[in-house]
């Protein structure tokens, strides 16, 4: 039975033999290898995707990356190739957001460290993005509350602290976030609409 906490790795490689060998190595390292889906179904959930970017007559596995990124925006990307002379264009490198480009055959210690580090960096980046989004949301809420407080002060002749308490009590009484009360105050102001 596989470890439910093991990192899930998706290997995208046109060469079946190479993909199978890499899957065996990843399993031996304790990773859970997820099977790639056909093009008509969504990609399987994974923490890390290893893409073979060796160019073939059918193009490159980089062409599958947009669908994978759309399904899993915070997935870590590790690129690999079997050709020393394989060059990754600046556009390809930028759109892949890859943690590394490895030359096959990949030494097991390098594979292990790269997959773990890529997953860690992807998690850190996802956390940073989430924290930034929360900070933006909190800042917007604070701005709305401040504007609503000003309107209440003007309407009721209350102090800043009293206007804040009015919104706070209303929020508690109605069991809704204070930002919703602020929006209602702003929406009630003639000629001012806030969505």
N, C-alpha and C. Protein backbone atom coordinates (compact mmCIF):
# COMPACT_ATOMS: atom_id res chain seq x y z
N UNK A 1 0.84 -1.18 0.00
CA UNK A 1 0.00 0.00 0.00
C UNK A 1 0.89 1.24 0.00
N UNK A 2 0.55 2.23 -0.84
CA UNK A 2 1.39 3.41 -0.96
C UNK A 2 1.14 4.38 0.19
N UNK A 3 2.15 5.19 0.49
CA UNK A 3 2.08 6.19 1.55
C UNK A 3 1.13 7.31 1.12
N UNK A 4 0.07 7.56 1.90
CA UNK A 4 -0.89 8.60 1.49
C UNK A 4 -0.29 10.01 1.54
N UNK A 5 0.85 10.16 2.23
CA UNK A 5 1.48 11.47 2.33
C UNK A 5 2.65 11.63 1.34
N UNK A 6 2.88 10.62 0.52
CA UNK A 6 3.98 10.69 -0.45
C UNK A 6 3.67 11.74 -1.51
N UNK A 7 4.72 12.39 -1.99
CA UNK A 7 4.53 13.35 -3.08
C UNK A 7 4.04 12.61 -4.32
N UNK A 8 3.05 13.20 -4.99
CA UNK A 8 2.51 12.61 -6.22
C UNK A 8 3.24 13.22 -7.40
N UNK A 9 3.80 12.34 -8.25
CA UNK A 9 4.59 12.79 -9.39
C UNK A 9 3.97 12.28 -10.67
N UNK A 10 3.77 13.19 -11.61
CA UNK A 10 3.27 12.85 -12.94
C UNK A 10 4.45 12.92 -13.90
N UNK A 11 4.69 11.85 -14.65
CA UNK A 11 5.78 11.82 -15.62
C UNK A 11 5.18 11.90 -17.01
N UNK A 12 5.57 12.93 -17.77
CA UNK A 12 5.09 13.10 -19.14
C UNK A 12 6.29 12.93 -20.07
N UNK A 13 6.31 11.81 -20.76
CA UNK A 13 7.44 11.46 -21.62
C UNK A 13 6.89 10.66 -22.80
N UNK A 14 7.25 11.04 -24.04
CA UNK A 14 6.75 10.32 -25.22
C UNK A 14 7.35 8.92 -25.33
N UNK A 15 8.50 8.72 -24.69
CA UNK A 15 9.18 7.42 -24.73
C UNK A 15 8.68 6.55 -23.57
N UNK A 16 7.86 5.56 -23.89
CA UNK A 16 7.24 4.71 -22.87
C UNK A 16 8.28 4.04 -21.98
N UNK A 17 9.34 3.53 -22.59
CA UNK A 17 10.38 2.83 -21.82
C UNK A 17 11.05 3.78 -20.82
N UNK A 18 11.37 4.96 -21.29
CA UNK A 18 12.00 5.96 -20.42
C UNK A 18 11.06 6.37 -19.29
N UNK A 19 9.78 6.55 -19.63
CA UNK A 19 8.77 6.92 -18.62
C UNK A 19 8.65 5.83 -17.56
N UNK A 20 8.61 4.56 -18.00
CA UNK A 20 8.48 3.45 -17.07
C UNK A 20 9.71 3.34 -16.15
N UNK A 21 10.90 3.53 -16.72
CA UNK A 21 12.13 3.47 -15.91
C UNK A 21 12.13 4.58 -14.85
N UNK A 22 11.72 5.77 -15.26
CA UNK A 22 11.67 6.90 -14.33
C UNK A 22 10.63 6.63 -13.23
N UNK A 23 9.50 6.05 -13.61
CA UNK A 23 8.45 5.72 -12.63
C UNK A 23 8.96 4.72 -11.60
N UNK A 24 9.72 3.72 -12.05
CA UNK A 24 10.28 2.73 -11.13
C UNK A 24 11.24 3.39 -10.14
N UNK A 25 12.09 4.29 -10.65
CA UNK A 25 13.04 4.99 -9.78
C UNK A 25 12.30 5.87 -8.78
N UNK A 26 11.28 6.57 -9.24
CA UNK A 26 10.51 7.45 -8.35
C UNK A 26 9.79 6.65 -7.27
N UNK A 27 9.20 5.51 -7.66
CA UNK A 27 8.55 4.64 -6.68
C UNK A 27 9.55 4.14 -5.65
N UNK A 28 10.74 3.76 -6.11
CA UNK A 28 11.77 3.26 -5.19
C UNK A 28 12.22 4.34 -4.21
N UNK A 29 12.11 5.60 -4.62
CA UNK A 29 12.47 6.72 -3.76
C UNK A 29 11.35 7.10 -2.79
N UNK A 30 10.20 6.45 -2.93
CA UNK A 30 9.08 6.71 -2.02
C UNK A 30 8.04 7.67 -2.55
N UNK A 31 8.16 8.05 -3.82
CA UNK A 31 7.16 8.93 -4.42
C UNK A 31 6.01 8.08 -4.97
N UNK A 32 4.86 8.70 -5.12
CA UNK A 32 3.71 8.02 -5.72
C UNK A 32 3.60 8.54 -7.15
N UNK A 33 3.75 7.67 -8.12
CA UNK A 33 3.69 8.07 -9.53
C UNK A 33 2.25 7.93 -10.01
N UNK A 34 1.69 9.05 -10.48
CA UNK A 34 0.33 9.02 -11.02
C UNK A 34 0.41 8.80 -12.52
N UNK A 35 -0.57 8.11 -13.03
CA UNK A 35 -0.58 7.78 -14.46
C UNK A 35 -1.11 8.96 -15.27
N UNK A 36 -0.46 9.27 -16.39
CA UNK A 36 -0.97 10.34 -17.24
C UNK A 36 -2.30 9.93 -17.85
N UNK A 37 -3.17 10.92 -18.05
CA UNK A 37 -4.48 10.64 -18.65
C UNK A 37 -4.40 10.86 -20.15
N UNK A 38 -5.45 10.42 -20.84
CA UNK A 38 -5.48 10.72 -22.28
C UNK A 38 -5.89 12.18 -22.44
N UNK A 39 -5.79 12.69 -23.64
CA UNK A 39 -6.02 14.12 -23.87
C UNK A 39 -7.47 14.54 -23.66
N UNK A 40 -8.41 13.59 -23.62
CA UNK A 40 -9.81 13.96 -23.47
C UNK A 40 -10.24 14.12 -22.01
N UNK A 41 -9.40 13.68 -21.07
CA UNK A 41 -9.76 13.82 -19.66
C UNK A 41 -8.76 14.72 -18.95
N UNK A 42 -9.15 15.29 -17.81
CA UNK A 42 -8.23 16.19 -17.12
C UNK A 42 -7.01 15.45 -16.60
N UNK A 43 -5.88 16.14 -16.47
CA UNK A 43 -4.68 15.47 -15.97
C UNK A 43 -4.89 15.03 -14.53
N UNK A 44 -4.22 13.95 -14.12
CA UNK A 44 -4.38 13.48 -12.74
C UNK A 44 -3.74 14.47 -11.76
N UNK A 45 -4.25 14.47 -10.53
CA UNK A 45 -3.71 15.38 -9.52
C UNK A 45 -2.29 14.97 -9.16
N UNK A 46 -1.41 15.95 -9.12
CA UNK A 46 0.00 15.68 -8.80
C UNK A 46 0.61 16.89 -8.13
N UNK A 47 1.69 16.64 -7.36
CA UNK A 47 2.43 17.72 -6.72
C UNK A 47 3.55 18.22 -7.63
N UNK A 48 4.11 17.28 -8.39
CA UNK A 48 5.23 17.58 -9.28
C UNK A 48 4.98 16.92 -10.62
N UNK A 49 5.30 17.63 -11.70
CA UNK A 49 5.25 17.02 -13.02
C UNK A 49 6.67 17.03 -13.58
N UNK A 50 7.10 15.89 -14.11
CA UNK A 50 8.39 15.79 -14.78
C UNK A 50 8.09 15.68 -16.27
N UNK A 51 8.53 16.70 -17.02
CA UNK A 51 8.25 16.76 -18.46
C UNK A 51 9.52 16.51 -19.25
N UNK A 52 9.46 15.56 -20.16
CA UNK A 52 10.57 15.35 -21.08
C UNK A 52 10.37 16.34 -22.23
N UNK A 53 11.29 17.28 -22.36
CA UNK A 53 11.16 18.32 -23.39
C UNK A 53 11.99 18.01 -24.63
N UNK A 54 12.45 16.75 -24.76
CA UNK A 54 13.18 16.36 -25.96
C UNK A 54 12.24 16.52 -27.15
N UNK A 55 12.68 17.26 -28.12
CA UNK A 55 11.83 17.54 -29.29
C UNK A 55 11.71 16.28 -30.15
N UNK A 56 10.50 16.04 -30.59
CA UNK A 56 10.23 14.92 -31.51
C UNK A 56 9.43 15.47 -32.67
N UNK A 57 9.08 14.59 -33.59
CA UNK A 57 8.26 15.03 -34.73
C UNK A 57 6.88 15.47 -34.26
N UNK A 58 6.47 15.01 -33.08
CA UNK A 58 5.16 15.40 -32.53
C UNK A 58 5.24 16.65 -31.66
N UNK A 59 6.40 17.30 -31.62
CA UNK A 59 6.54 18.49 -30.80
C UNK A 59 7.22 18.17 -29.49
N UNK A 60 6.82 18.87 -28.45
CA UNK A 60 7.43 18.73 -27.13
C UNK A 60 6.34 18.55 -26.09
N UNK A 61 6.70 17.92 -24.99
CA UNK A 61 5.75 17.74 -23.89
C UNK A 61 5.36 19.07 -23.28
N UNK A 62 6.13 20.12 -23.57
CA UNK A 62 5.76 21.45 -23.08
C UNK A 62 4.38 21.86 -23.56
N UNK A 63 3.95 21.27 -24.68
CA UNK A 63 2.63 21.60 -25.22
C UNK A 63 1.51 21.14 -24.28
N UNK A 64 1.78 20.16 -23.41
CA UNK A 64 0.77 19.67 -22.47
C UNK A 64 0.74 20.49 -21.18
N UNK A 65 1.76 21.33 -20.98
CA UNK A 65 1.88 22.06 -19.73
C UNK A 65 0.72 23.02 -19.45
N UNK A 66 0.21 23.76 -20.44
CA UNK A 66 -0.92 24.67 -20.12
C UNK A 66 -2.12 23.95 -19.51
N UNK A 67 -2.47 22.77 -20.02
CA UNK A 67 -3.61 22.03 -19.46
C UNK A 67 -3.32 21.57 -18.03
N UNK A 68 -2.09 21.15 -17.78
CA UNK A 68 -1.70 20.72 -16.44
C UNK A 68 -1.72 21.91 -15.48
N UNK A 69 -1.16 23.04 -15.91
CA UNK A 69 -1.12 24.25 -15.08
C UNK A 69 -2.53 24.77 -14.80
N UNK A 70 -3.41 24.66 -15.79
CA UNK A 70 -4.78 25.13 -15.60
C UNK A 70 -5.47 24.30 -14.52
N UNK A 71 -5.26 22.99 -14.55
CA UNK A 71 -5.88 22.10 -13.57
C UNK A 71 -5.22 22.26 -12.19
N UNK A 72 -3.90 22.45 -12.17
CA UNK A 72 -3.16 22.53 -10.90
C UNK A 72 -2.18 23.70 -10.95
N UNK A 73 -2.63 24.92 -10.67
CA UNK A 73 -1.78 26.10 -10.82
C UNK A 73 -0.51 26.08 -9.98
N UNK A 74 -0.50 25.36 -8.87
CA UNK A 74 0.69 25.39 -8.02
C UNK A 74 1.56 24.14 -8.16
N UNK A 75 1.39 23.39 -9.23
CA UNK A 75 2.20 22.19 -9.44
C UNK A 75 3.65 22.59 -9.72
N UNK A 76 4.58 21.82 -9.18
CA UNK A 76 6.00 22.04 -9.43
C UNK A 76 6.37 21.39 -10.76
N UNK A 77 7.24 22.05 -11.52
CA UNK A 77 7.62 21.55 -12.84
C UNK A 77 9.12 21.28 -12.87
N UNK A 78 9.46 20.05 -13.28
CA UNK A 78 10.86 19.67 -13.50
C UNK A 78 10.95 19.21 -14.94
N UNK A 79 11.84 19.80 -15.70
CA UNK A 79 12.03 19.42 -17.10
C UNK A 79 13.22 18.48 -17.21
N UNK A 80 13.14 17.59 -18.20
CA UNK A 80 14.28 16.71 -18.47
C UNK A 80 14.39 16.49 -19.97
N UNK A 81 15.57 16.08 -20.39
CA UNK A 81 15.82 15.82 -21.81
C UNK A 81 16.88 14.73 -21.94
N UNK A 82 16.86 14.04 -23.07
CA UNK A 82 17.89 13.03 -23.30
C UNK A 82 19.00 13.54 -24.21
N UNK A 83 18.91 14.80 -24.63
CA UNK A 83 19.94 15.35 -25.52
C UNK A 83 20.68 16.49 -24.83
N UNK A 84 22.01 16.34 -24.76
CA UNK A 84 22.83 17.39 -24.15
C UNK A 84 22.69 18.70 -24.89
N UNK A 85 22.44 18.62 -26.17
CA UNK A 85 22.38 19.84 -26.99
C UNK A 85 20.98 20.45 -27.03
N UNK A 86 20.04 19.83 -26.34
CA UNK A 86 18.67 20.35 -26.32
C UNK A 86 18.68 21.76 -25.73
N UNK A 87 18.11 22.68 -26.46
CA UNK A 87 18.06 24.05 -25.96
C UNK A 87 16.61 24.41 -25.69
N UNK A 88 16.43 25.07 -24.59
CA UNK A 88 15.11 25.52 -24.19
C UNK A 88 15.05 27.00 -24.48
N UNK A 89 14.13 27.40 -25.34
CA UNK A 89 14.00 28.81 -25.67
C UNK A 89 13.57 29.62 -24.46
N UNK A 90 13.85 30.92 -24.50
CA UNK A 90 13.51 31.81 -23.38
C UNK A 90 12.01 31.78 -23.10
N UNK A 91 11.19 31.75 -24.17
CA UNK A 91 9.74 31.71 -23.99
C UNK A 91 9.31 30.42 -23.30
N UNK A 92 9.90 29.28 -23.75
CA UNK A 92 9.57 27.99 -23.15
C UNK A 92 9.97 27.95 -21.68
N UNK A 93 11.15 28.46 -21.38
CA UNK A 93 11.63 28.45 -19.99
C UNK A 93 10.73 29.31 -19.11
N UNK A 94 10.35 30.47 -19.64
CA UNK A 94 9.52 31.38 -18.85
C UNK A 94 8.12 30.81 -18.61
N UNK A 95 7.51 30.25 -19.64
CA UNK A 95 6.14 29.76 -19.47
C UNK A 95 6.09 28.47 -18.66
N UNK A 96 7.20 27.73 -18.60
CA UNK A 96 7.20 26.48 -17.84
C UNK A 96 7.33 26.72 -16.34
N UNK A 97 7.98 27.82 -15.93
CA UNK A 97 8.25 28.09 -14.51
C UNK A 97 8.92 26.87 -13.87
N UNK A 98 9.82 26.24 -14.62
CA UNK A 98 10.46 25.01 -14.16
C UNK A 98 11.47 25.27 -13.05
N UNK A 99 11.57 24.30 -12.15
CA UNK A 99 12.55 24.37 -11.07
C UNK A 99 13.92 23.92 -11.56
N UNK A 100 13.94 23.05 -12.59
CA UNK A 100 15.21 22.52 -13.07
C UNK A 100 15.04 21.93 -14.46
N UNK A 101 16.17 21.80 -15.18
CA UNK A 101 16.24 21.07 -16.44
C UNK A 101 17.33 20.02 -16.24
N UNK A 102 16.94 18.75 -16.24
CA UNK A 102 17.87 17.65 -15.96
C UNK A 102 18.17 16.86 -17.23
N UNK A 103 19.39 16.36 -17.31
CA UNK A 103 19.81 15.54 -18.44
C UNK A 103 19.65 14.06 -18.07
N UNK A 104 18.94 13.32 -18.94
CA UNK A 104 18.77 11.87 -18.72
C UNK A 104 20.00 11.13 -19.23
N UNK A 105 20.34 10.03 -18.60
CA UNK A 105 19.73 9.44 -17.42
C UNK A 105 20.02 10.29 -16.18
N UNK A 106 19.01 10.46 -15.36
CA UNK A 106 19.12 11.32 -14.18
C UNK A 106 19.64 10.49 -13.00
N UNK A 107 20.75 10.90 -12.40
CA UNK A 107 21.23 10.18 -11.21
C UNK A 107 20.14 10.18 -10.13
N UNK A 108 19.98 9.06 -9.45
CA UNK A 108 18.90 8.90 -8.48
C UNK A 108 18.95 9.97 -7.39
N UNK A 109 20.14 10.30 -6.89
CA UNK A 109 20.23 11.31 -5.83
C UNK A 109 19.79 12.68 -6.34
N UNK A 110 20.13 12.99 -7.59
CA UNK A 110 19.72 14.26 -8.19
C UNK A 110 18.20 14.28 -8.39
N UNK A 111 17.65 13.18 -8.86
CA UNK A 111 16.21 13.07 -9.07
C UNK A 111 15.47 13.28 -7.75
N UNK A 112 15.91 12.59 -6.71
CA UNK A 112 15.27 12.68 -5.40
C UNK A 112 15.30 14.13 -4.88
N UNK A 113 16.48 14.72 -4.87
CA UNK A 113 16.63 16.09 -4.35
C UNK A 113 15.84 17.10 -5.18
N UNK A 114 15.87 16.95 -6.50
CA UNK A 114 15.19 17.90 -7.37
C UNK A 114 13.68 17.85 -7.19
N UNK A 115 13.11 16.66 -7.12
CA UNK A 115 11.67 16.52 -6.95
C UNK A 115 11.25 17.11 -5.61
N UNK A 116 11.99 16.79 -4.56
CA UNK A 116 11.63 17.30 -3.22
C UNK A 116 11.75 18.82 -3.14
N UNK A 117 12.84 19.35 -3.68
CA UNK A 117 13.04 20.81 -3.65
C UNK A 117 12.01 21.53 -4.52
N UNK A 118 11.70 20.97 -5.67
CA UNK A 118 10.70 21.59 -6.55
C UNK A 118 9.34 21.65 -5.87
N UNK A 119 8.96 20.56 -5.20
CA UNK A 119 7.68 20.52 -4.49
C UNK A 119 7.67 21.53 -3.35
N UNK A 120 8.77 21.62 -2.62
CA UNK A 120 8.87 22.57 -1.52
C UNK A 120 8.75 24.01 -2.02
N UNK A 121 9.48 24.34 -3.08
CA UNK A 121 9.43 25.70 -3.63
C UNK A 121 8.03 26.02 -4.17
N UNK A 122 7.38 25.06 -4.79
CA UNK A 122 6.03 25.28 -5.31
C UNK A 122 5.06 25.54 -4.17
N UNK A 123 5.20 24.79 -3.06
CA UNK A 123 4.34 25.01 -1.89
C UNK A 123 4.58 26.39 -1.29
N UNK A 124 5.85 26.77 -1.18
CA UNK A 124 6.18 28.10 -0.64
C UNK A 124 5.60 29.20 -1.51
N UNK A 125 5.71 29.04 -2.83
CA UNK A 125 5.16 30.04 -3.75
C UNK A 125 3.65 30.11 -3.65
N UNK A 126 2.98 28.96 -3.55
CA UNK A 126 1.52 28.93 -3.41
C UNK A 126 1.10 29.61 -2.11
N UNK A 127 1.83 29.36 -1.03
CA UNK A 127 1.53 30.00 0.26
C UNK A 127 1.71 31.50 0.16
N UNK A 128 2.79 31.93 -0.47
CA UNK A 128 3.04 33.37 -0.62
C UNK A 128 1.94 34.03 -1.45
N UNK A 129 1.51 33.37 -2.52
CA UNK A 129 0.43 33.92 -3.34
C UNK A 129 -0.87 34.03 -2.55
N UNK A 130 -1.15 32.99 -1.76
CA UNK A 130 -2.36 32.99 -0.94
C UNK A 130 -2.32 34.10 0.10
N UNK A 131 -1.16 34.27 0.74
CA UNK A 131 -1.02 35.33 1.74
C UNK A 131 -1.16 36.71 1.11
N UNK A 132 -0.59 36.88 -0.09
CA UNK A 132 -0.71 38.16 -0.78
C UNK A 132 -2.17 38.44 -1.15
N UNK A 133 -2.88 37.41 -1.60
CA UNK A 133 -4.30 37.59 -1.95
C UNK A 133 -5.11 37.94 -0.72
N UNK A 134 -4.83 37.28 0.42
CA UNK A 134 -5.53 37.60 1.66
C UNK A 134 -5.24 39.02 2.12
N UNK A 135 -3.99 39.45 1.98
CA UNK A 135 -3.62 40.81 2.37
C UNK A 135 -4.35 41.83 1.50
N UNK A 136 -4.46 41.57 0.19
CA UNK A 136 -5.19 42.47 -0.71
C UNK A 136 -6.66 42.54 -0.31
N UNK A 137 -7.25 41.37 0.00
CA UNK A 137 -8.66 41.32 0.40
C UNK A 137 -8.86 42.10 1.70
N UNK A 138 -7.96 41.91 2.67
CA UNK A 138 -8.08 42.62 3.94
C UNK A 138 -7.93 44.13 3.76
N UNK A 139 -7.02 44.53 2.89
CA UNK A 139 -6.82 45.95 2.63
C UNK A 139 -8.06 46.57 1.99
N UNK A 140 -8.64 45.87 1.02
CA UNK A 140 -9.87 46.36 0.38
C UNK A 140 -11.01 46.45 1.39
N UNK A 141 -11.12 45.45 2.27
CA UNK A 141 -12.15 45.47 3.31
C UNK A 141 -11.94 46.66 4.24
N UNK A 142 -10.69 46.89 4.63
CA UNK A 142 -10.37 48.01 5.52
C UNK A 142 -10.76 49.35 4.86
N UNK A 143 -10.48 49.49 3.57
CA UNK A 143 -10.83 50.72 2.85
C UNK A 143 -12.34 50.93 2.85
N UNK A 144 -13.09 49.84 2.59
CA UNK A 144 -14.56 49.95 2.59
C UNK A 144 -15.08 50.34 3.97
N UNK A 145 -14.53 49.73 5.00
CA UNK A 145 -14.95 50.04 6.37
C UNK A 145 -14.66 51.50 6.71
N UNK A 146 -13.49 51.98 6.32
CA UNK A 146 -13.13 53.38 6.58
C UNK A 146 -14.08 54.34 5.86
N UNK A 147 -14.41 54.04 4.60
CA UNK A 147 -15.33 54.91 3.86
C UNK A 147 -16.73 54.90 4.49
N UNK A 148 -17.18 53.70 4.87
CA UNK A 148 -18.50 53.58 5.50
C UNK A 148 -18.52 54.30 6.85
N UNK A 149 -17.43 54.21 7.58
CA UNK A 149 -17.33 54.89 8.87
C UNK A 149 -17.48 56.40 8.68
N UNK A 150 -16.84 56.93 7.64
CA UNK A 150 -16.95 58.37 7.34
C UNK A 150 -18.39 58.78 7.05
N UNK A 151 -19.10 57.95 6.30
CA UNK A 151 -20.50 58.24 5.97
C UNK A 151 -21.35 58.23 7.24
N UNK A 152 -21.14 57.23 8.10
CA UNK A 152 -21.90 57.16 9.36
C UNK A 152 -21.60 58.36 10.26
N UNK A 153 -20.35 58.78 10.30
CA UNK A 153 -19.98 59.94 11.11
C UNK A 153 -20.73 61.17 10.63
N UNK A 154 -20.80 61.34 9.32
CA UNK A 154 -21.50 62.49 8.73
C UNK A 154 -23.00 62.41 9.00
N UNK A 155 -23.58 61.22 8.82
CA UNK A 155 -25.03 61.05 8.98
C UNK A 155 -25.49 61.19 10.42
N UNK A 156 -24.72 60.60 11.34
CA UNK A 156 -25.18 60.52 12.73
C UNK A 156 -24.52 61.55 13.65
N UNK A 157 -23.49 62.22 13.16
CA UNK A 157 -22.78 63.18 14.00
C UNK A 157 -21.94 62.48 15.06
N UNK A 158 -21.67 61.21 14.87
CA UNK A 158 -20.91 60.44 15.86
C UNK A 158 -19.41 60.58 15.60
N UNK A 159 -18.64 60.18 16.61
CA UNK A 159 -17.18 60.19 16.47
C UNK A 159 -16.76 58.99 15.63
N UNK A 160 -15.50 58.98 15.27
CA UNK A 160 -14.96 57.87 14.48
C UNK A 160 -15.12 56.55 15.24
N UNK A 161 -14.82 56.58 16.53
CA UNK A 161 -14.93 55.38 17.35
C UNK A 161 -16.38 54.92 17.47
N UNK A 162 -17.30 55.85 17.63
CA UNK A 162 -18.72 55.50 17.73
C UNK A 162 -19.24 54.91 16.42
N UNK A 163 -18.84 55.50 15.30
CA UNK A 163 -19.26 54.98 14.00
C UNK A 163 -18.76 53.55 13.80
N UNK A 164 -17.52 53.29 14.23
CA UNK A 164 -16.96 51.94 14.13
C UNK A 164 -17.77 50.97 14.99
N UNK A 165 -18.12 51.42 16.21
CA UNK A 165 -18.89 50.55 17.12
C UNK A 165 -20.28 50.24 16.54
N UNK A 166 -20.88 51.22 15.87
CA UNK A 166 -22.20 50.99 15.25
C UNK A 166 -22.09 49.85 14.25
N UNK A 167 -21.07 49.92 13.38
CA UNK A 167 -20.90 48.86 12.38
C UNK A 167 -20.55 47.53 13.05
N UNK A 168 -19.73 47.59 14.08
CA UNK A 168 -19.33 46.37 14.79
C UNK A 168 -20.53 45.68 15.44
N UNK A 169 -21.39 46.47 16.12
CA UNK A 169 -22.59 45.90 16.76
C UNK A 169 -23.54 45.33 15.71
N UNK A 170 -23.72 46.06 14.62
CA UNK A 170 -24.61 45.59 13.56
C UNK A 170 -24.09 44.29 12.97
N UNK A 171 -22.78 44.21 12.79
CA UNK A 171 -22.14 43.00 12.27
C UNK A 171 -22.40 41.82 13.20
N UNK A 172 -22.25 42.06 14.50
CA UNK A 172 -22.47 40.99 15.48
C UNK A 172 -23.94 40.60 15.55
N UNK A 173 -24.83 41.58 15.56
CA UNK A 173 -26.26 41.30 15.64
C UNK A 173 -26.77 40.50 14.45
N UNK A 174 -26.25 40.82 13.28
CA UNK A 174 -26.70 40.14 12.05
C UNK A 174 -25.86 38.93 11.71
N UNK A 175 -24.79 38.71 12.47
CA UNK A 175 -23.86 37.60 12.21
C UNK A 175 -23.32 37.60 10.78
N UNK A 176 -22.89 38.78 10.35
CA UNK A 176 -22.27 38.92 9.03
C UNK A 176 -20.95 39.67 9.20
N UNK A 177 -20.02 39.47 8.30
CA UNK A 177 -18.74 40.20 8.40
C UNK A 177 -18.96 41.72 8.35
N UNK A 178 -18.12 42.44 9.04
CA UNK A 178 -18.24 43.90 9.08
C UNK A 178 -18.11 44.51 7.70
N UNK A 179 -17.34 43.89 6.82
CA UNK A 179 -17.21 44.44 5.47
C UNK A 179 -18.56 44.43 4.75
N UNK A 180 -19.41 43.47 5.04
CA UNK A 180 -20.75 43.44 4.43
C UNK A 180 -21.60 44.60 4.93
N UNK A 181 -21.46 44.94 6.22
CA UNK A 181 -22.18 46.09 6.77
C UNK A 181 -21.67 47.37 6.11
N UNK A 182 -20.34 47.45 5.95
CA UNK A 182 -19.75 48.63 5.29
C UNK A 182 -20.28 48.77 3.87
N UNK A 183 -20.37 47.66 3.14
CA UNK A 183 -20.90 47.71 1.77
C UNK A 183 -22.35 48.19 1.77
N UNK A 184 -23.13 47.72 2.75
CA UNK A 184 -24.54 48.15 2.84
C UNK A 184 -24.63 49.65 3.11
N UNK A 185 -23.78 50.17 3.97
CA UNK A 185 -23.76 51.61 4.26
C UNK A 185 -23.40 52.37 2.98
N UNK A 186 -22.37 51.91 2.28
CA UNK A 186 -21.95 52.58 1.05
C UNK A 186 -23.03 52.50 -0.03
N UNK A 187 -23.69 51.35 -0.12
CA UNK A 187 -24.76 51.19 -1.12
C UNK A 187 -25.96 52.09 -0.82
N UNK A 188 -26.14 52.42 0.46
CA UNK A 188 -27.29 53.27 0.83
C UNK A 188 -27.02 54.74 0.59
N UNK A 189 -25.78 55.08 0.30
CA UNK A 189 -25.41 56.48 0.05
C UNK A 189 -25.85 56.85 -1.36
N UNK A 190 -26.68 57.92 -1.48
CA UNK A 190 -27.14 58.33 -2.80
C UNK A 190 -25.96 58.62 -3.77
N UNK A 191 -26.07 58.05 -4.96
CA UNK A 191 -25.07 58.29 -6.00
C UNK A 191 -23.78 57.50 -5.81
N UNK A 192 -23.72 56.61 -4.83
CA UNK A 192 -22.51 55.82 -4.58
C UNK A 192 -22.89 54.35 -4.56
N UNK A 193 -22.35 53.56 -5.45
CA UNK A 193 -22.64 52.13 -5.50
C UNK A 193 -21.34 51.36 -5.35
N UNK A 194 -21.35 50.37 -4.49
CA UNK A 194 -20.20 49.49 -4.28
C UNK A 194 -20.65 48.08 -4.44
N UNK A 195 -19.92 47.29 -5.23
CA UNK A 195 -20.33 45.89 -5.41
C UNK A 195 -19.42 44.98 -4.64
